[in-house]
Amino acid sequence: MKKTSLIQKLEISKKEFLEISKLIIQPNIISDQKKYRILLKKYMTLEKIVFLYEEYKKQLVSLKEVVFILENDSDTEMKELATTEKYKILENLSSIEKKSYHLLFSSKEEDETEDDRKTVIVELRSGTGGDEACIFVEDILRMYTMYFKKSGWKYKIIHAQKGGIKGYKEIILDINGEKGIYGNLKFESGVHRVQRIPKTESQGRVHTSAITVAVLPKVKDIEVNINLSDIKKDTFRSSGSGGQHVNKTESAVRLTHIPSKITVECQEERSQHKNFEKAISVLRSRIYQNEKEKRLKKISIKRKSLVSTGDRSIKIRTYNYPKNRVTDHRIHKSIYNLAGFMNGNIQEMINLLKLFENK
C-alpha cells in the first residue's frame, strides 16, 4: 500500500474515532448497554489506530530533526547518536505501517496487551524515615529478588544509590521473564510502610518509615517518541564499583527530558554508551507511565480501580514487624506471616489483588 493511501485511511479512522468519543459519553448511549459495548469496542480499536497515526507523524518530524543534526551539528558524538536514531526511526516507520495495515484490514488483533509485558522497570526509593527507610529499600529489594527467583524471572540492576549507613536511597531494576510480568508486578506500585524497632533505637520504640515502589512497563521505541533535541545529557564519574576506571573516566550518564523534566541516571556500566542506552530505556518507560496516568485521569470510562492505577502517592501496604503482619490497605487483607512474605512469598497477596481488580 502506498504511504499516501495509508495516511488517508488513517485520517478517516481518526475522524471516526473523534465521533465515537463524543457518542460514548452521551447518557442515552451509556444507558443502552448493548450499543455502549459495541461502540466502546470500536472506540478501543480505533484508539490504537489513532495512536499509531499520531506516532507516525511524530516519527516523520523526528526524522527531519535527525537529518538536520546530521547536516548541521559539528559534535561527533551527537552525529553518531543521530545516525543511530535515524535507523531506529526508519525501522519504526516501517513497523508502524505494518501495524496500521494489520489493524485497518484484519478482524483479529494480535497486539500484546499491557499486562502481558515480559519486561518491566521497577524503581525503589527511600521516603520518610532517613537511614531506616534506606534499610527497608534493601529489605524490599531482597523480597522482590527472592520472588523473581521463585517465578523464574531474571533481573539486572540498572542504577543504584547507596544510603548513608546501609541500604539504598534509590535502586532501579530491569526484570525479564515469562509473559505477564507486568500483570503481576503492577500491584506493587505505591507507598510501602514499615513499622518496627530500628537496630539503632536504644529505648525499644517502634518507628514508622516508608519507601515508594514504581513498576513501569518497559516500552519499545515505537510506543514513546523521544527527540534528541529534547534531551539534555550530562556525564559524571561513577560512584559505584569499577576500580581505577571509576576515577579516570566520566562513564556515568544523566539524561533530562526537557518537556517533562524527567531525569534519569545510570552508572552501573563501565561504558558511557551502554549507560546511555539503559538510561534512554528507563526514560521511555517513565514518559510512557506519565502519559498513561494523564490518560487515565482524562478518560473515565477506561479507568480501572485504584489497585491498578499505579499511583505512587497512595499508601498501599504496611509491614508491621512487632505483630508479624503485612496488610494491604486496598483490599483490607492481612497476612500473619511477615517472615515468609519478606522471603518472597508474595504471590498470595497478588492473586487476591487480581481477584479484586477483576470484580
Protein backbone atom coordinates (compact mmCIF):
# COMPACT_ATOMS: atom_id res chain seq x y z
CA MET A 1 0.00 0.00 0.00
CA LYS A 2 1.25 3.48 -0.86
CA LYS A 3 2.02 5.81 2.02
CA THR A 4 -0.45 8.44 0.77
CA SER A 5 -3.24 5.85 0.65
CA LEU A 6 -2.36 4.59 4.15
CA ILE A 7 -2.36 8.13 5.57
CA GLN A 8 -5.77 8.80 4.01
CA LYS A 9 -7.24 5.69 5.64
CA LEU A 10 -5.64 6.61 8.97
CA GLU A 11 -7.13 10.10 8.74
CA ILE A 12 -10.59 8.59 8.14
CA SER A 13 -10.13 6.36 11.20
CA LYS A 14 -9.17 9.38 13.28
CA LYS A 15 -12.36 11.23 12.29
CA GLU A 16 -14.44 8.17 13.17
CA PHE A 17 -12.63 7.91 16.50
CA LEU A 18 -13.44 11.52 17.38
CA GLU A 19 -17.09 10.97 16.50
CA ILE A 20 -17.35 7.85 18.68
CA SER A 21 -15.53 9.66 21.51
CA LYS A 22 -18.40 12.14 21.63
CA LEU A 23 -21.08 9.45 21.36
CA ILE A 24 -19.94 7.16 24.19
CA ILE A 25 -20.29 9.88 26.82
CA GLN A 26 -23.93 10.60 25.88
CA PRO A 27 -26.45 9.50 28.58
CA ASN A 28 -28.71 7.73 26.07
CA ILE A 29 -25.77 5.64 24.79
CA ILE A 30 -24.49 4.80 28.28
CA SER A 31 -27.98 3.63 29.30
CA ASP A 32 -28.15 1.29 26.29
CA GLN A 33 -25.59 -1.31 27.40
CA LYS A 34 -25.63 -3.28 24.16
CA LYS A 35 -24.96 -0.23 22.00
CA TYR A 36 -22.47 1.10 24.52
CA ARG A 37 -20.41 -2.12 24.45
CA ILE A 38 -20.32 -2.16 20.65
CA LEU A 39 -19.21 1.47 20.48
CA LEU A 40 -16.69 1.01 23.27
CA LYS A 41 -15.10 -1.96 21.48
CA LYS A 42 -14.89 0.10 18.29
CA TYR A 43 -13.53 3.03 20.28
CA MET A 44 -10.70 0.95 21.76
CA THR A 45 -9.72 -0.45 18.35
CA LEU A 46 -9.75 2.98 16.74
CA GLU A 47 -7.78 4.41 19.63
CA LYS A 48 -4.90 2.05 18.77
CA ILE A 49 -5.07 3.11 15.13
CA VAL A 50 -5.12 6.81 16.04
CA PHE A 51 -2.20 6.28 18.41
CA LEU A 52 -0.19 4.71 15.60
CA TYR A 53 -1.18 7.53 13.24
CA GLU A 54 -0.06 10.23 15.70
CA GLU A 55 3.14 8.32 16.34
CA TYR A 56 3.71 8.02 12.59
CA LYS A 57 3.52 11.79 12.20
CA LYS A 58 5.86 12.31 15.17
CA GLN A 59 8.39 9.91 13.68
CA LEU A 60 8.36 11.85 10.41
CA VAL A 61 9.04 15.06 12.32
CA SER A 62 11.83 13.34 14.28
CA LEU A 63 13.36 12.13 11.03
CA LYS A 64 13.58 15.73 9.80
CA GLU A 65 15.21 16.81 13.08
CA VAL A 66 17.78 14.00 12.94
CA VAL A 67 18.63 14.83 9.33
CA PHE A 68 19.09 18.46 10.37
CA ILE A 69 21.51 17.40 13.16
CA LEU A 70 23.47 15.23 10.73
CA GLU A 71 23.79 18.08 8.26
CA ASN A 72 24.49 20.93 10.70
CA ASP A 73 25.82 19.68 14.05
CA SER A 74 29.62 19.58 14.44
CA ASP A 75 29.57 17.42 17.61
CA THR A 76 30.87 13.96 16.65
CA GLU A 77 29.06 12.12 19.43
CA MET A 78 25.76 13.82 18.63
CA LYS A 79 26.20 12.84 14.97
CA GLU A 80 26.80 9.22 15.96
CA LEU A 81 23.70 9.25 18.15
CA ALA A 82 21.72 10.94 15.36
CA THR A 83 22.82 8.28 12.87
CA THR A 84 21.71 5.52 15.25
CA GLU A 85 18.45 7.36 15.87
CA LYS A 86 17.84 7.75 12.14
CA TYR A 87 17.99 3.99 11.57
CA LYS A 88 15.66 3.45 14.54
CA ILE A 89 13.17 5.98 13.16
CA LEU A 90 13.17 4.33 9.72
CA GLU A 91 12.57 0.95 11.37
CA ASN A 92 9.80 2.48 13.48
CA LEU A 93 8.10 3.97 10.43
CA SER A 94 8.15 0.58 8.71
CA SER A 95 6.82 -1.12 11.83
CA ILE A 96 4.02 1.43 12.23
CA GLU A 97 2.97 0.93 8.62
CA LYS A 98 2.72 -2.84 9.14
CA LYS A 99 0.80 -2.49 12.41
CA SER A 100 -1.54 0.10 10.90
CA TYR A 101 -2.26 -2.17 7.96
CA HIS A 102 -2.94 -5.05 10.34
CA LEU A 103 -5.40 -3.02 12.46
CA LEU A 104 -7.12 -1.50 9.46
CA PHE A 105 -7.67 -4.69 7.48
CA SER A 106 -7.58 -7.59 9.92
CA SER A 107 -10.53 -8.65 12.07
CA LYS A 108 -8.25 -10.25 14.65
CA GLU A 109 -5.97 -8.21 16.87
CA GLU A 110 -2.79 -9.94 17.95
CA ASP A 111 -1.20 -6.99 19.71
CA GLU A 112 0.21 -7.60 23.14
CA THR A 113 -1.78 -6.09 25.99
CA GLU A 114 -0.01 -4.10 28.66
CA ASP A 115 -0.50 -6.78 31.32
CA ASP A 116 1.21 -9.31 29.02
CA ARG A 117 4.52 -7.42 29.07
CA LYS A 118 7.54 -9.65 29.60
CA THR A 119 9.83 -6.85 30.73
CA VAL A 120 9.33 -4.14 33.35
CA ILE A 121 11.28 -1.47 35.17
CA VAL A 122 10.99 -1.49 38.99
CA GLU A 123 12.12 1.58 40.93
CA LEU A 124 12.56 1.57 44.73
CA ARG A 125 13.16 4.84 46.61
CA SER A 126 13.53 5.67 50.27
CA GLY A 127 10.96 8.06 51.71
CA THR A 128 10.30 9.21 55.26
CA GLY A 129 12.47 7.65 57.94
CA GLY A 130 16.05 8.51 56.99
CA ASP A 131 18.51 5.62 57.35
CA GLU A 132 15.74 3.20 58.37
CA ALA A 133 13.94 3.89 55.07
CA CYS A 134 17.15 3.13 53.15
CA ILE A 135 17.50 -0.16 55.02
CA PHE A 136 13.88 -1.01 54.20
CA VAL A 137 14.57 -0.39 50.50
CA GLU A 138 17.23 -3.10 50.74
CA ASP A 139 14.79 -5.42 52.56
CA ILE A 140 12.11 -4.94 49.89
CA LEU A 141 14.75 -5.42 47.19
CA ARG A 142 15.63 -8.78 48.76
CA MET A 143 11.92 -9.68 48.96
CA TYR A 144 11.41 -8.96 45.27
CA THR A 145 14.58 -10.73 44.10
CA MET A 146 13.52 -13.86 46.01
CA TYR A 147 10.07 -13.58 44.39
CA PHE A 148 11.70 -13.20 40.95
CA LYS A 149 13.74 -16.33 41.58
CA LYS A 150 10.63 -18.31 42.58
CA SER A 151 8.88 -17.05 39.43
CA GLY A 152 11.81 -17.87 37.15
CA TRP A 153 12.39 -14.23 36.17
CA LYS A 154 15.76 -12.60 35.61
CA TYR A 155 16.71 -9.16 36.87
CA LYS A 156 19.53 -6.69 36.44
CA ILE A 157 20.41 -3.56 38.41
CA ILE A 158 20.34 -0.50 36.15
CA HIS A 159 21.08 2.15 38.77
CA ALA A 160 21.82 2.15 42.49
CA GLN A 161 22.45 4.92 45.01
CA LYS A 162 23.71 3.77 48.42
CA GLY A 163 22.21 5.01 51.67
CA GLY A 164 24.12 6.91 54.34
CA ILE A 165 24.83 3.98 56.69
CA LYS A 166 23.30 0.95 54.96
CA GLY A 167 20.78 0.11 52.27
CA TYR A 168 19.81 2.22 49.28
CA LYS A 169 18.35 5.66 48.70
CA GLU A 170 17.32 4.50 45.24
CA ILE A 171 17.63 1.39 43.13
CA ILE A 172 16.27 0.62 39.64
CA LEU A 173 15.87 -2.90 38.25
CA ASP A 174 15.22 -4.30 34.79
CA ILE A 175 13.15 -7.53 35.03
CA ASN A 176 12.71 -10.06 32.20
CA GLY A 177 10.80 -13.32 32.11
CA GLU A 178 7.61 -15.01 31.03
CA LYS A 179 4.55 -13.28 29.64
CA GLY A 180 2.54 -11.43 32.28
CA ILE A 181 5.28 -9.95 34.47
CA TYR A 182 3.67 -6.51 34.46
CA GLY A 183 0.24 -8.07 35.12
CA ASN A 184 1.63 -9.34 38.44
CA LEU A 185 4.04 -6.61 39.49
CA LYS A 186 1.82 -3.60 38.67
CA PHE A 187 0.06 -4.07 42.04
CA GLU A 188 3.29 -3.22 43.86
CA SER A 189 3.29 0.46 42.79
CA GLY A 190 2.70 2.79 45.72
CA VAL A 191 3.94 3.64 49.21
CA HIS A 192 5.14 0.71 51.33
CA ARG A 193 5.21 1.49 55.07
CA VAL A 194 7.22 -0.38 57.71
CA GLN A 195 6.63 -0.37 61.48
CA ARG A 196 9.43 -1.86 63.55
CA ILE A 197 12.11 -1.15 66.14
CA PRO A 198 15.29 0.02 64.35
CA LYS A 199 18.58 -1.51 65.46
CA THR A 200 19.77 1.99 66.33
CA GLU A 201 16.81 2.57 68.69
CA SER A 202 18.09 2.35 72.28
CA GLN A 203 14.71 2.64 74.04
CA GLY A 204 12.91 -0.04 72.07
CA ARG A 205 10.37 2.28 70.43
CA VAL A 206 8.58 1.30 67.23
CA HIS A 207 9.38 3.65 64.32
CA THR A 208 7.42 4.14 61.10
CA SER A 209 9.27 4.60 57.82
CA ALA A 210 8.18 4.49 54.20
CA ILE A 211 9.50 3.84 50.72
CA THR A 212 7.96 4.19 47.26
CA VAL A 213 7.78 1.50 44.61
CA ALA A 214 7.11 2.25 40.95
CA VAL A 215 6.52 -0.55 38.43
CA LEU A 216 6.73 0.64 34.83
CA PRO A 217 6.06 -1.46 31.73
CA LYS A 218 9.17 -1.41 29.58
CA VAL A 219 8.18 0.09 26.26
CA LYS A 220 9.52 -0.13 22.74
CA ASP A 221 10.87 2.82 20.77
CA ILE A 222 7.70 2.87 18.71
CA GLU A 223 5.48 3.47 21.75
CA VAL A 224 7.25 6.57 23.04
CA ASN A 225 8.82 9.05 20.70
CA ILE A 226 11.80 10.92 22.18
CA ASN A 227 13.50 13.63 20.16
CA LEU A 228 17.23 14.04 20.73
CA SER A 229 16.75 17.80 20.72
CA ASP A 230 14.53 17.41 23.83
CA ILE A 231 17.23 15.64 25.85
CA LYS A 232 19.94 17.26 27.96
CA LYS A 233 22.85 14.89 28.50
CA ASP A 234 25.34 15.22 31.38
CA THR A 235 28.23 12.91 32.21
CA PHE A 236 29.98 12.41 35.54
CA ARG A 237 32.24 9.98 37.34
CA SER A 238 30.57 6.87 38.65
CA SER A 239 30.36 6.40 42.41
CA GLY A 240 29.81 2.65 42.06
CA SER A 241 32.12 -0.31 41.55
CA GLY A 242 34.66 -0.35 38.78
CA GLY A 243 38.10 0.06 40.34
CA GLN A 244 40.52 2.57 38.82
CA HIS A 245 38.23 3.05 35.81
CA VAL A 246 35.76 4.95 38.04
CA ASN A 247 38.27 7.65 38.84
CA LYS A 248 39.59 8.10 35.28
CA THR A 249 36.53 8.42 33.06
CA GLU A 250 33.12 10.07 33.19
CA SER A 251 31.16 6.95 32.26
CA ALA A 252 28.01 7.75 34.28
CA VAL A 253 25.17 9.38 32.36
CA ARG A 254 22.36 11.71 33.43
CA LEU A 255 19.56 12.40 30.94
CA THR A 256 16.95 15.12 31.40
CA HIS A 257 13.84 15.15 29.23
CA ILE A 258 13.25 18.89 28.97
CA PRO A 259 9.48 18.89 28.16
CA SER A 260 8.52 16.63 31.09
CA LYS A 261 11.51 17.48 33.37
CA ILE A 262 12.01 13.75 33.98
CA THR A 263 15.61 12.91 34.93
CA VAL A 264 17.32 9.52 34.74
CA GLU A 265 20.79 8.49 35.90
CA CYS A 266 22.71 5.33 35.03
CA GLN A 267 26.21 4.44 36.22
CA GLU A 268 26.30 0.65 36.53
CA GLU A 269 28.18 0.02 33.26
CA ARG A 270 31.82 0.90 32.55
CA SER A 271 30.88 2.19 29.11
CA GLN A 272 29.23 5.60 28.72
CA HIS A 273 27.44 4.34 25.60
CA LYS A 274 25.89 1.39 27.48
CA ASN A 275 24.84 3.66 30.34
CA PHE A 276 23.24 5.99 27.78
CA GLU A 277 21.24 3.12 26.23
CA LYS A 278 19.98 1.95 29.64
CA ALA A 279 19.10 5.49 30.70
CA ILE A 280 17.14 6.01 27.47
CA SER A 281 15.23 2.78 28.14
CA VAL A 282 14.24 3.92 31.65
CA LEU A 283 13.38 7.39 30.35
CA ARG A 284 11.00 5.91 27.76
CA SER A 285 9.22 3.88 30.45
CA ARG A 286 8.84 6.86 32.77
CA ILE A 287 7.46 9.08 29.99
CA TYR A 288 5.08 6.28 28.96
CA GLN A 289 3.84 5.90 32.56
CA ASN A 290 3.45 9.66 32.89
CA GLU A 291 1.32 9.83 29.74
CA LYS A 292 -0.66 6.76 30.82
CA GLU A 293 -1.57 8.36 34.16
CA LYS A 294 -2.71 11.53 32.38
CA ARG A 295 -4.84 9.47 30.02
CA LEU A 296 -6.47 7.54 32.88
CA LYS A 297 -7.48 10.80 34.53
CA LYS A 298 -8.97 12.22 31.33
CA ILE A 299 -10.86 9.15 30.12
CA SER A 300 -13.06 7.96 32.98
CA ILE A 301 -14.59 5.06 31.02
CA LYS A 302 -11.18 3.42 30.80
CA ARG A 303 -10.27 3.91 34.44
CA LYS A 304 -9.83 0.78 36.49
CA SER A 305 -9.81 0.50 40.28
CA LEU A 306 -7.11 2.18 42.36
CA VAL A 307 -5.44 -1.22 42.58
CA SER A 308 -4.10 -0.98 39.04
CA THR A 309 -3.55 2.74 38.52
CA GLY A 310 -0.03 2.57 39.91
CA ASP A 311 -0.45 5.79 41.87
CA ARG A 312 2.85 6.12 43.75
CA SER A 313 1.42 8.65 46.25
CA ILE A 314 -1.04 6.13 47.73
CA LYS A 315 -0.13 4.09 50.84
CA ILE A 316 -0.82 0.54 49.72
CA ARG A 317 0.81 -1.73 52.28
CA THR A 318 2.08 -1.83 55.86
CA TYR A 319 4.71 -4.26 57.17
CA ASN A 320 4.25 -4.50 60.95
CA TYR A 321 7.14 -6.43 62.49
CA PRO A 322 6.01 -6.48 66.17
CA LYS A 323 2.70 -8.10 65.12
CA ASN A 324 4.24 -10.31 62.39
CA ARG A 325 1.67 -8.87 59.97
CA VAL A 326 1.60 -7.46 56.44
CA THR A 327 -1.57 -5.58 55.48
CA ASP A 328 -2.67 -4.44 52.03
CA HIS A 329 -4.91 -1.42 52.57
CA ARG A 330 -6.55 -1.56 49.13
CA ILE A 331 -8.29 -4.85 49.84
CA HIS A 332 -8.09 -4.76 53.68
CA LYS A 333 -6.27 -8.07 53.72
CA SER A 334 -3.71 -9.09 56.37
CA ILE A 335 -1.28 -12.00 56.25
CA TYR A 336 0.23 -13.07 59.59
CA ASN A 337 3.46 -14.49 58.24
CA LEU A 338 5.67 -11.48 57.68
CA ALA A 339 8.88 -13.55 57.64
CA GLY A 340 7.55 -15.70 54.80
CA PHE A 341 6.30 -12.65 52.93
CA MET A 342 9.71 -10.97 53.18
CA ASN A 343 11.25 -14.18 51.82
CA GLY A 344 9.43 -13.65 48.54
CA ASN A 345 6.13 -15.41 49.22
CA ILE A 346 4.01 -12.54 47.92
CA GLN A 347 2.00 -14.30 45.20
CA GLU A 348 -0.96 -14.97 47.50
CA MET A 349 -1.45 -11.24 48.05
CA ILE A 350 -1.00 -10.51 44.33
CA ASN A 351 -3.64 -13.13 43.46
CA LEU A 352 -6.11 -11.52 45.88
CA LEU A 353 -5.43 -8.11 44.29
CA LYS A 354 -6.04 -9.60 40.83
CA LEU A 355 -9.33 -11.07 42.03
CA PHE A 356 -10.37 -7.72 43.49
CA GLU A 357 -9.48 -5.92 40.26
CA ASN A 358 -11.50 -8.35 38.14
CA LYS A 359 -14.54 -7.78 40.33
